[in-house]
Amino acid sequence: MTTHGKPSNVRCAIYTRKSTEEGLDQEFNSLDAQRESAQAFIASQRHEGWMQLSDRYDDGGFTGGNMDRPALNRLLNDIRAGKIDCVIVYKVDRLSRSLLDFTKMMEVFDKHHVSFVAYTQQINTATPMGRLMLNVLMSFAQFERELISERTRDKIAAARRKGKWVGGHPILGYDIDPKGFKLIVNEVEATRVRAIFELYLEYQSLLPVAHELRRRGWASKRWTTRKGLERGGSPFSKTNLHQLLTNVAYTGKVRHKSEVFAAEHAAIISVETWQNVQEILKRNRRPGESIVPNRYGALLKGILHCQACGCAMCPTHTRNQSKVYRYYVCSNAQRNGWSMCPSKSVPAAEIERIVADRIRSLGNAPEFLANALTQTDDHAAEPQATPEEAAFILSALDPNSRTQTPHDQARLMHLLIERIDFDGSKGKIAIHFKSAAIKVLANGLAAQPTEVNT
């Protein structure tokens, strides 16, 4: 493209990436080498109007298998803002190793008329041949990535069958052998593990054991990562206590999917003790109580919180013959006992009806809508509702068109509501609406013609 016989400026952004942090502290590292080569290529295209942007887009220590990269997200945002005409990389896999992610990025590029160049592979999406070569290369890259993943899974499975520890977080009672990937017994912690199993055999219930362990000041395994970060050391709850008591590694075995194999590491707990604990755990499991899948209800899943604890309230249910009773339960009370929280639980149908009535009031009472609008935070960094979401909100609150399915009801609540706080001690709820959705509703209702009753 030229202007009055001269090529127009092509604003070029250089993107570099390295999967590991190794060598990044050097004066001239891999990212610098990629950038220097790209700068030379841009200089060779100066006669076409190519010019390098000063902003750097460098992702050091980030995998190309996903899009969770700070510099990449900055690059995409600048493309959407119209600041870039062309993206330059050393090779295609520097931008992405996932065919699906790459396709998503190319859609953004095409939408904003941005070309993509991998200069060492002579790929330029501004030409049909370049686009063809890009698709071929990405297909092979995806195949290679899947092949490597399959080989890794097979290698882990083979190691498990031989009883080897293949990595992961260390568990209480064992340390990682510094000479290799192997678990060695930590005698001090092993004594505590044996005591925990004996306590469960004595109390035959998770909660009293968890309370006793917290009284003693015992905690889960604490370890230091390779980067020197401290991890673990959490107080015992029903959840992590159950994980410890059901870990077959304490019997000197390893599990791979549904199979169990003899391990290289020594046992801490006898097989007889471990099996006795499993029988009690199985006997204590309450039938019919489980998390309710969202397609069967749980309209407030993810937005309902216990005001006293600040914890999420999780959907559960119990069954009495053919009758199902649904509840929302404070996760703190569920993990650590009912005495830990005044809110405990609330019937699901009752609180869902209250919230649904409050939402319907938004469309029927202008003064209620105005009040809800004043509760929202105008300065919150909240994304705007899309046109499709706005249309859905308005149609759902139309008095002549009610949403019927649980899926639609849940979607409406999550579009309108940021958070719901339940105060169990007072039996009150506080609904915090999303400012963007409320403004959409206010503007939409204001634009509708007013009916005059005669």
Protein backbone atom coordinates (compact mmCIF):
# COMPACT_ATOMS: atom_id res chain seq x y z
CA MET A 1 0.00 0.00 0.00
CA THR A 2 1.43 3.38 -0.97
CA THR A 3 0.52 7.02 -0.51
CA HIS A 4 1.45 9.42 -3.38
CA GLY A 5 3.99 6.92 -4.68
CA LYS A 6 5.54 6.25 -1.28
CA PRO A 7 4.88 3.19 0.90
CA SER A 8 2.75 3.87 3.97
CA ASN A 9 4.13 3.08 7.41
CA VAL A 10 3.67 -0.50 8.67
CA ARG A 11 3.90 -0.47 12.46
CA CYS A 12 5.69 -3.69 13.46
CA ALA A 13 5.57 -5.24 16.93
CA ILE A 14 8.18 -7.87 17.82
CA TYR A 15 6.99 -10.73 20.05
CA THR A 16 9.52 -13.02 21.77
CA ARG A 17 9.04 -16.01 24.07
CA LYS A 18 11.10 -18.59 25.97
CA SER A 19 9.52 -21.51 27.83
CA THR A 20 11.93 -21.54 30.78
CA GLU A 21 13.62 -18.86 32.86
CA GLU A 22 17.02 -20.51 32.43
CA GLY A 23 19.56 -18.03 31.08
CA LEU A 24 17.24 -15.02 31.19
CA ASP A 25 19.52 -13.34 33.75
CA GLN A 26 22.37 -13.26 31.22
CA GLU A 27 23.38 -9.95 29.65
CA PHE A 28 22.36 -11.23 26.19
CA ASN A 29 19.71 -13.95 26.40
CA SER A 30 17.45 -15.87 24.03
CA LEU A 31 14.80 -13.12 24.01
CA ASP A 32 17.44 -10.55 23.05
CA ALA A 33 18.65 -12.80 20.22
CA GLN A 34 15.10 -13.19 18.85
CA ARG A 35 14.55 -9.43 19.05
CA GLU A 36 17.85 -8.55 17.36
CA SER A 37 17.13 -10.89 14.43
CA ALA A 38 13.62 -9.44 14.06
CA GLN A 39 15.00 -5.90 14.09
CA ALA A 40 17.36 -6.80 11.25
CA PHE A 41 14.46 -8.27 9.25
CA ILE A 42 12.34 -5.14 9.76
CA ALA A 43 15.28 -3.00 8.65
CA SER A 44 15.49 -5.06 5.44
CA GLN A 45 11.85 -4.15 4.72
CA ARG A 46 12.28 -0.42 5.30
CA HIS A 47 11.64 0.25 1.63
CA GLU A 48 8.13 -1.16 2.17
CA GLY A 49 7.48 1.31 4.95
CA TRP A 50 8.13 -1.11 7.82
CA MET A 51 8.99 0.53 11.15
CA GLN A 52 9.62 -1.01 14.56
CA LEU A 53 7.47 -0.05 17.54
CA SER A 54 9.35 0.77 20.73
CA ASP A 55 7.12 -1.31 23.04
CA ARG A 56 8.62 -4.66 23.99
CA TYR A 57 6.48 -7.81 24.08
CA ASP A 58 8.72 -10.39 25.81
CA ASP A 59 7.42 -13.47 27.66
CA GLY A 60 10.29 -15.13 29.49
CA GLY A 61 9.50 -18.36 31.33
CA PHE A 62 6.05 -18.93 29.78
CA THR A 63 4.84 -21.97 27.86
CA GLY A 64 3.40 -21.66 24.37
CA GLY A 65 0.75 -24.26 25.19
CA ASN A 66 -1.73 -21.67 26.45
CA MET A 67 -2.48 -17.94 26.22
CA ASP A 68 -1.89 -17.12 29.88
CA ARG A 69 1.07 -14.81 29.13
CA PRO A 70 1.28 -11.13 30.19
CA ALA A 71 3.16 -9.81 27.14
CA LEU A 72 0.91 -11.75 24.74
CA ASN A 73 -2.22 -10.31 26.32
CA ARG A 74 -0.70 -6.82 26.12
CA LEU A 75 0.04 -7.43 22.44
CA LEU A 76 -3.54 -8.53 21.72
CA ASN A 77 -4.95 -5.53 23.58
CA ASP A 78 -2.74 -3.16 21.55
CA ILE A 79 -3.93 -4.87 18.36
CA ARG A 80 -7.54 -4.30 19.38
CA ALA A 81 -6.66 -0.67 20.11
CA GLY A 82 -5.38 -0.22 16.54
CA LYS A 83 -1.74 0.39 17.52
CA ILE A 84 -0.18 -2.42 15.45
CA ASP A 85 -0.15 -3.34 11.73
CA CYS A 86 2.17 -6.37 11.76
CA VAL A 87 3.44 -8.87 14.37
CA ILE A 88 6.95 -10.29 13.87
CA VAL A 89 8.20 -13.53 15.49
CA TYR A 90 11.28 -15.70 15.09
CA LYS A 91 9.24 -18.87 14.49
CA VAL A 92 5.54 -19.73 14.59
CA ASP A 93 5.85 -21.70 17.84
CA ARG A 94 7.11 -18.56 19.62
CA LEU A 95 3.58 -17.18 19.36
CA SER A 96 1.75 -20.43 20.17
CA ARG A 97 2.11 -24.21 20.25
CA SER A 98 -1.65 -24.77 20.34
CA LEU A 99 -3.55 -24.89 17.06
CA LEU A 100 -6.77 -23.85 18.81
CA ASP A 101 -5.15 -20.87 20.55
CA PHE A 102 -3.36 -19.87 17.34
CA THR A 103 -6.66 -19.92 15.45
CA LYS A 104 -8.22 -17.62 18.07
CA MET A 105 -5.32 -15.20 17.76
CA MET A 106 -5.49 -15.21 13.97
CA GLU A 107 -9.16 -14.25 14.21
CA VAL A 108 -8.15 -11.19 16.25
CA PHE A 109 -5.39 -10.40 13.74
CA ASP A 110 -7.75 -10.68 10.75
CA LYS A 111 -10.49 -8.65 12.43
CA HIS A 112 -8.10 -5.73 12.94
CA HIS A 113 -6.25 -6.17 9.61
CA VAL A 114 -2.95 -7.13 11.26
CA SER A 115 -0.54 -9.39 9.36
CA PHE A 116 1.66 -12.06 10.97
CA VAL A 117 5.25 -12.79 9.94
CA ALA A 118 7.53 -15.66 11.04
CA TYR A 119 10.64 -14.44 9.27
CA THR A 120 12.86 -17.55 9.62
CA GLN A 121 10.12 -19.70 8.08
CA GLN A 122 9.23 -17.19 5.33
CA ILE A 123 5.61 -16.98 6.47
CA ASN A 124 3.62 -13.83 5.87
CA THR A 125 -0.15 -13.98 6.27
CA ALA A 126 -0.49 -11.00 3.97
CA THR A 127 -0.09 -13.51 1.09
CA PRO A 128 -2.21 -16.61 0.25
CA MET A 129 0.90 -18.84 0.13
CA GLY A 130 1.94 -17.57 3.55
CA ARG A 131 -1.44 -18.46 5.04
CA LEU A 132 -1.29 -21.94 3.52
CA MET A 133 2.20 -22.59 4.90
CA LEU A 134 1.13 -21.31 8.29
CA ASN A 135 -1.80 -23.75 8.50
CA VAL A 136 0.44 -26.67 7.49
CA LEU A 137 3.12 -25.80 10.04
CA MET A 138 0.61 -25.32 12.86
CA SER A 139 -1.01 -28.68 12.14
CA PHE A 140 2.36 -30.42 12.46
CA ALA A 141 3.21 -28.43 15.60
CA GLN A 142 -0.08 -29.49 17.21
CA PHE A 143 0.57 -33.12 16.24
CA GLU A 144 4.05 -32.98 17.78
CA ARG A 145 2.71 -31.45 20.99
CA GLU A 146 0.01 -34.13 21.35
CA LEU A 147 2.57 -36.86 20.61
CA ILE A 148 4.88 -35.56 23.34
CA SER A 149 1.95 -35.44 25.80
CA GLU A 150 1.00 -39.02 24.97
CA ARG A 151 4.57 -40.21 25.45
CA THR A 152 4.77 -38.41 28.80
CA ARG A 153 1.54 -40.06 30.00
CA ASP A 154 2.83 -43.47 28.92
CA LYS A 155 6.13 -42.84 30.73
CA ILE A 156 4.33 -41.88 33.95
CA ALA A 157 2.08 -44.95 33.72
CA ALA A 158 5.09 -47.24 33.23
CA ALA A 159 6.88 -45.65 36.21
CA ARG A 160 3.81 -46.11 38.39
CA ARG A 161 3.57 -49.77 37.47
CA LYS A 162 7.18 -50.16 38.68
CA GLY A 163 6.25 -48.49 41.96
CA LYS A 164 8.18 -45.29 41.34
CA TRP A 165 7.21 -41.86 42.65
CA VAL A 166 6.84 -39.62 39.60
CA GLY A 167 6.71 -36.24 41.27
CA GLY A 168 4.14 -33.91 42.73
CA HIS A 169 3.63 -32.41 46.18
CA PRO A 170 5.30 -34.34 49.02
CA ILE A 171 2.97 -35.75 51.66
CA LEU A 172 3.17 -35.69 55.45
CA GLY A 173 5.45 -38.49 56.64
CA TYR A 174 7.81 -38.44 53.66
CA ASP A 175 10.55 -36.25 52.20
CA ILE A 176 11.89 -36.24 48.67
CA ASP A 177 15.26 -37.95 48.35
CA PRO A 178 17.72 -35.23 47.20
CA LYS A 179 19.60 -37.89 45.19
CA GLY A 180 16.63 -38.65 42.96
CA PHE A 181 12.87 -38.93 42.55
CA LYS A 182 12.14 -41.14 45.52
CA LEU A 183 10.24 -40.81 48.78
CA ILE A 184 12.10 -41.39 52.06
CA VAL A 185 10.44 -41.68 55.46
CA ASN A 186 10.54 -38.62 57.74
CA GLU A 187 10.43 -40.35 61.12
CA VAL A 188 9.12 -37.35 63.07
CA GLU A 189 6.23 -36.82 60.63
CA ALA A 190 5.66 -40.57 60.28
CA THR A 191 4.96 -40.76 64.02
CA ARG A 192 2.28 -38.08 63.59
CA VAL A 193 0.74 -39.91 60.63
CA ARG A 194 0.42 -43.11 62.68
CA ALA A 195 -1.14 -41.09 65.51
CA ILE A 196 -3.67 -39.53 63.09
CA PHE A 197 -4.77 -42.97 61.88
CA GLU A 198 -5.09 -44.18 65.49
CA LEU A 199 -7.11 -41.08 66.41
CA TYR A 200 -9.55 -41.78 63.60
CA LEU A 201 -9.93 -45.40 64.70
CA GLU A 202 -10.68 -44.06 68.20
CA TYR A 203 -13.11 -41.23 67.29
CA GLN A 204 -14.42 -42.80 64.05
CA SER A 205 -15.34 -39.34 62.76
CA LEU A 206 -13.38 -36.74 60.76
CA LEU A 207 -14.46 -33.59 62.59
CA PRO A 208 -13.39 -34.55 66.15
CA VAL A 209 -10.02 -35.69 64.80
CA ALA A 210 -9.55 -32.42 62.89
CA HIS A 211 -10.38 -30.46 66.08
CA GLU A 212 -7.88 -32.53 68.09
CA LEU A 213 -5.14 -32.02 65.49
CA ARG A 214 -5.72 -28.27 65.52
CA ARG A 215 -5.58 -28.32 69.34
CA ARG A 216 -2.20 -30.03 69.14
CA GLY A 217 -1.00 -27.51 66.57
CA TRP A 218 -0.40 -30.16 63.91
CA ALA A 219 -0.66 -29.15 60.27
CA SER A 220 -0.35 -30.62 56.78
CA LYS A 221 3.01 -31.19 55.07
CA ARG A 222 5.14 -28.07 54.73
CA TRP A 223 7.84 -27.93 52.08
CA THR A 224 10.01 -25.52 50.11
CA THR A 225 9.79 -25.30 46.32
CA ARG A 226 12.83 -25.15 44.04
CA LYS A 227 12.32 -21.38 43.87
CA GLY A 228 12.56 -21.14 47.66
CA LEU A 229 8.84 -20.57 48.27
CA GLU A 230 7.15 -22.06 51.35
CA ARG A 231 4.09 -24.20 50.67
CA GLY A 232 1.66 -26.27 52.75
CA GLY A 233 1.43 -26.17 56.54
CA SER A 234 -2.36 -25.70 56.54
CA PRO A 235 -4.45 -26.55 59.64
CA PHE A 236 -6.32 -29.81 59.34
CA SER A 237 -9.93 -29.75 58.11
CA LYS A 238 -12.32 -32.52 57.11
CA THR A 239 -11.12 -32.20 53.50
CA ASN A 240 -7.35 -32.52 53.86
CA LEU A 241 -7.76 -35.04 56.71
CA HIS A 242 -9.87 -37.25 54.44
CA GLN A 243 -7.20 -36.94 51.72
CA LEU A 244 -4.54 -38.11 54.16
CA LEU A 245 -6.55 -41.05 55.49
CA THR A 246 -7.39 -42.32 51.98
CA ASN A 247 -3.85 -42.01 50.54
CA VAL A 248 -2.69 -45.52 49.72
CA ALA A 249 0.93 -44.31 49.60
CA TYR A 250 1.10 -44.75 53.39
CA THR A 251 0.87 -48.52 52.90
CA GLY A 252 3.93 -48.54 50.62
CA LYS A 253 1.92 -48.55 47.39
CA VAL A 254 1.25 -46.22 44.48
CA ARG A 255 -1.99 -45.73 42.59
CA HIS A 256 -2.39 -45.30 38.84
CA LYS A 257 -6.01 -44.59 37.91
CA SER A 258 -7.94 -47.55 39.36
CA GLU A 259 -4.91 -49.84 39.85
CA VAL A 260 -2.58 -50.10 42.86
CA PHE A 261 1.04 -51.26 42.65
CA ALA A 262 3.78 -52.01 45.19
CA ALA A 263 6.01 -48.95 45.61
CA GLU A 264 9.73 -48.38 46.10
CA HIS A 265 9.18 -46.32 49.28
CA ALA A 266 8.65 -47.87 52.71
CA ALA A 267 5.23 -48.13 54.33
CA ILE A 268 4.24 -46.05 57.36
CA ILE A 269 0.82 -47.62 58.03
CA SER A 270 0.00 -51.32 58.01
CA VAL A 271 -2.42 -52.58 55.38
CA GLU A 272 -4.75 -53.81 58.14
CA THR A 273 -4.92 -50.37 59.81
CA TRP A 274 -5.46 -48.63 56.48
CA GLN A 275 -8.28 -51.01 55.51
CA ASN A 276 -9.98 -50.60 58.90
CA VAL A 277 -9.96 -46.82 58.41
CA GLN A 278 -11.41 -47.17 54.89
CA GLU A 279 -14.25 -49.32 56.21
CA ILE A 280 -15.19 -46.70 58.80
CA LEU A 281 -14.98 -43.90 56.24
CA LYS A 282 -17.22 -45.87 53.91
CA ARG A 283 -19.72 -46.61 56.67
CA ASN A 284 -19.84 -42.95 57.73
CA ARG A 285 -20.50 -41.68 54.22
CA ARG A 286 -24.06 -40.36 54.20
CA PRO A 287 -26.01 -41.76 51.24
CA GLY A 288 -27.76 -39.31 48.97
CA GLU A 289 -25.71 -36.26 50.01
CA SER A 290 -23.59 -34.70 47.29
CA ILE A 291 -22.97 -31.54 45.36
CA VAL A 292 -25.96 -30.70 43.19
CA PRO A 293 -25.05 -30.41 39.49
CA ASN A 294 -25.94 -26.96 38.24
CA ARG A 295 -28.26 -28.29 35.52
CA TYR A 296 -30.54 -29.63 38.29
CA GLY A 297 -30.67 -26.42 40.30
CA ALA A 298 -28.16 -24.47 42.37
CA LEU A 299 -29.07 -21.16 40.71
CA LEU A 300 -26.89 -19.24 43.16
CA LYS A 301 -23.79 -21.40 42.90
CA GLY A 302 -20.69 -19.21 42.83
CA ILE A 303 -22.39 -15.98 43.94
CA LEU A 304 -23.88 -16.89 47.36
CA HIS A 305 -21.57 -16.27 50.34
CA CYS A 306 -21.81 -16.57 54.11
CA GLN A 307 -21.62 -13.05 55.55
CA ALA A 308 -20.23 -14.24 58.90
CA CYS A 309 -17.34 -16.27 57.43
CA GLY A 310 -16.88 -14.68 54.03
CA CYS A 311 -16.82 -18.20 52.59
CA ALA A 312 -18.79 -19.50 49.63
CA MET A 313 -22.02 -21.37 50.32
CA CYS A 314 -22.02 -24.65 48.42
CA PRO A 315 -25.09 -26.46 47.06
CA THR A 316 -25.86 -29.83 48.68
CA HIS A 317 -28.89 -32.07 49.00
CA THR A 318 -30.28 -34.88 51.10
CA ARG A 319 -32.78 -37.51 50.04
CA ASN A 320 -35.63 -38.98 52.05
CA GLN A 321 -37.05 -41.86 50.03
CA SER A 322 -38.21 -40.20 46.79
CA LYS A 323 -38.11 -36.63 48.18
CA VAL A 324 -35.03 -34.46 47.58
CA TYR A 325 -34.26 -31.52 49.89
CA ARG A 326 -31.79 -28.94 48.55
CA TYR A 327 -29.69 -26.59 50.69
CA TYR A 328 -26.83 -24.13 50.48
CA VAL A 329 -24.23 -24.85 53.17
CA CYS A 330 -21.41 -22.61 54.42
CA SER A 331 -18.18 -24.24 53.23
CA ASN A 332 -16.47 -23.26 56.50
CA ALA A 333 -19.13 -25.09 58.54
CA GLN A 334 -19.00 -28.02 56.12
CA ARG A 335 -15.23 -28.38 56.49
CA ASN A 336 -14.70 -27.51 60.15
CA GLY A 337 -18.01 -28.21 61.89
CA TRP A 338 -21.34 -26.49 62.48
CA SER A 339 -20.05 -24.72 65.60
CA MET A 340 -17.66 -22.70 63.43
CA CYS A 341 -20.39 -20.70 61.66
CA PRO A 342 -23.71 -19.12 62.74
CA SER A 343 -25.13 -19.29 59.19
CA LYS A 344 -24.81 -23.06 58.74
CA SER A 345 -27.31 -23.77 55.95
CA VAL A 346 -30.36 -22.32 54.20
CA PRO A 347 -33.06 -24.08 52.12
CA ALA A 348 -32.17 -23.60 48.45
CA ALA A 349 -35.69 -23.16 47.08
CA GLU A 350 -36.51 -20.48 49.65
CA ILE A 351 -33.47 -18.25 49.09
CA GLU A 352 -33.63 -18.73 45.30
CA ARG A 353 -37.29 -17.60 45.34
CA ILE A 354 -36.38 -14.49 47.37
CA VAL A 355 -33.59 -13.56 44.95
CA ALA A 356 -35.82 -14.23 41.92
CA ASP A 357 -38.57 -12.00 43.37
CA ARG A 358 -36.02 -9.25 43.99
CA ILE A 359 -34.81 -9.46 40.39
CA ARG A 360 -38.36 -9.35 39.02
CA SER A 361 -38.88 -6.20 41.09
CA LEU A 362 -36.15 -4.53 39.03
CA GLY A 363 -38.39 -4.56 35.99
CA ASN A 364 -41.65 -3.75 37.78
CA ALA A 365 -40.65 -0.99 40.21
CA PRO A 366 -38.63 1.98 38.91
CA GLU A 367 -37.86 3.14 42.46
CA PHE A 368 -36.37 -0.27 43.29
CA LEU A 369 -34.24 -0.13 40.14
CA ALA A 370 -33.03 3.35 41.05
CA ASN A 371 -32.11 2.10 44.51
CA ALA A 372 -30.22 -0.87 43.05
CA LEU A 373 -28.37 1.47 40.72
CA THR A 374 -27.15 3.56 43.67
CA GLN A 375 -25.77 0.39 45.31
CA THR A 376 -23.44 -0.32 42.39
CA ASP A 377 -19.87 0.97 42.13
CA ASP A 378 -19.47 3.32 39.18
CA HIS A 379 -15.71 3.18 39.55
CA ALA A 380 -15.44 -0.61 39.46
CA ALA A 381 -13.33 -2.04 36.66
CA GLU A 382 -16.19 -4.11 35.31
CA PRO A 383 -16.60 -5.24 31.67
CA GLN A 384 -19.62 -3.88 29.83
CA ALA A 385 -22.54 -6.14 29.02
CA THR A 386 -22.56 -7.34 25.42
CA PRO A 387 -25.55 -6.52 23.17
CA GLU A 388 -26.62 -10.18 23.34
CA GLU A 389 -26.47 -10.14 27.16
CA ALA A 390 -28.39 -6.86 27.30
CA ALA A 391 -31.12 -8.27 25.04
CA PHE A 392 -31.33 -11.39 27.21
CA ILE A 393 -31.68 -9.36 30.43
CA LEU A 394 -34.45 -7.19 29.01
CA SER A 395 -36.39 -10.11 27.50
CA ALA A 396 -36.05 -12.16 30.71
CA LEU A 397 -37.59 -9.37 32.79
CA ASP A 398 -40.41 -8.69 30.32
CA PRO A 399 -43.67 -9.33 32.25
CA ASN A 400 -45.01 -11.22 29.23
CA SER A 401 -41.96 -13.46 28.81
CA ARG A 402 -40.62 -15.33 31.84
CA THR A 403 -37.47 -17.46 31.73
CA GLN A 404 -38.50 -21.04 32.39
CA THR A 405 -35.41 -23.25 32.40
CA PRO A 406 -33.02 -23.42 35.38
CA HIS A 407 -30.19 -22.68 32.95
CA ASP A 408 -31.78 -19.39 31.86
CA GLN A 409 -32.62 -18.44 35.44
CA ALA A 410 -29.06 -19.09 36.59
CA ARG A 411 -27.67 -17.14 33.64
CA LEU A 412 -29.88 -14.14 34.43
CA MET A 413 -28.82 -14.14 38.08
CA HIS A 414 -25.12 -14.32 37.22
CA LEU A 415 -25.47 -11.51 34.65
CA LEU A 416 -27.19 -9.18 37.14
CA ILE A 417 -25.62 -10.14 40.49
CA GLU A 418 -22.02 -9.71 41.60
CA ARG A 419 -22.44 -11.30 45.04
CA ILE A 420 -25.08 -12.31 47.59
CA ASP A 421 -24.27 -12.23 51.33
CA PHE A 422 -26.42 -14.38 53.64
CA ASP A 423 -26.55 -13.51 57.34
CA GLY A 424 -27.77 -16.71 58.98
CA SER A 425 -27.94 -15.26 62.49
CA LYS A 426 -30.44 -12.56 61.37
CA GLY A 427 -31.98 -14.42 58.44
CA LYS A 428 -31.19 -11.56 56.03
CA ILE A 429 -29.62 -11.38 52.60
CA ALA A 430 -27.80 -8.53 50.84
CA ILE A 431 -27.69 -8.56 47.04
CA HIS A 432 -24.87 -6.67 45.29
CA PHE A 433 -25.80 -5.99 41.67
CA LYS A 434 -23.40 -5.51 38.75
CA SER A 435 -23.29 -1.87 37.70
CA ALA A 436 -22.92 -2.62 33.98
CA ALA A 437 -25.97 -4.92 33.88
CA ILE A 438 -28.10 -2.59 36.01
CA LYS A 439 -27.29 0.35 33.76
CA VAL A 440 -28.27 -1.73 30.72
CA LEU A 441 -31.58 -2.53 32.38
CA ALA A 442 -32.20 1.08 33.45
CA ASN A 443 -31.48 2.42 29.97
CA GLY A 444 -33.54 -0.30 28.30
CA LEU A 445 -36.60 0.27 30.48
CA ALA A 446 -36.31 4.04 30.07
CA ALA A 447 -36.37 3.60 26.29
CA GLN A 448 -39.57 1.54 26.34
CA PRO A 449 -42.90 3.33 25.71
CA THR A 450 -45.01 3.93 28.80
CA GLU A 451 -48.39 2.20 28.87
CA VAL A 452 -51.42 4.25 29.91
CA ASN A 453 -54.14 2.33 31.73
CA THR A 454 -57.70 3.40 30.88
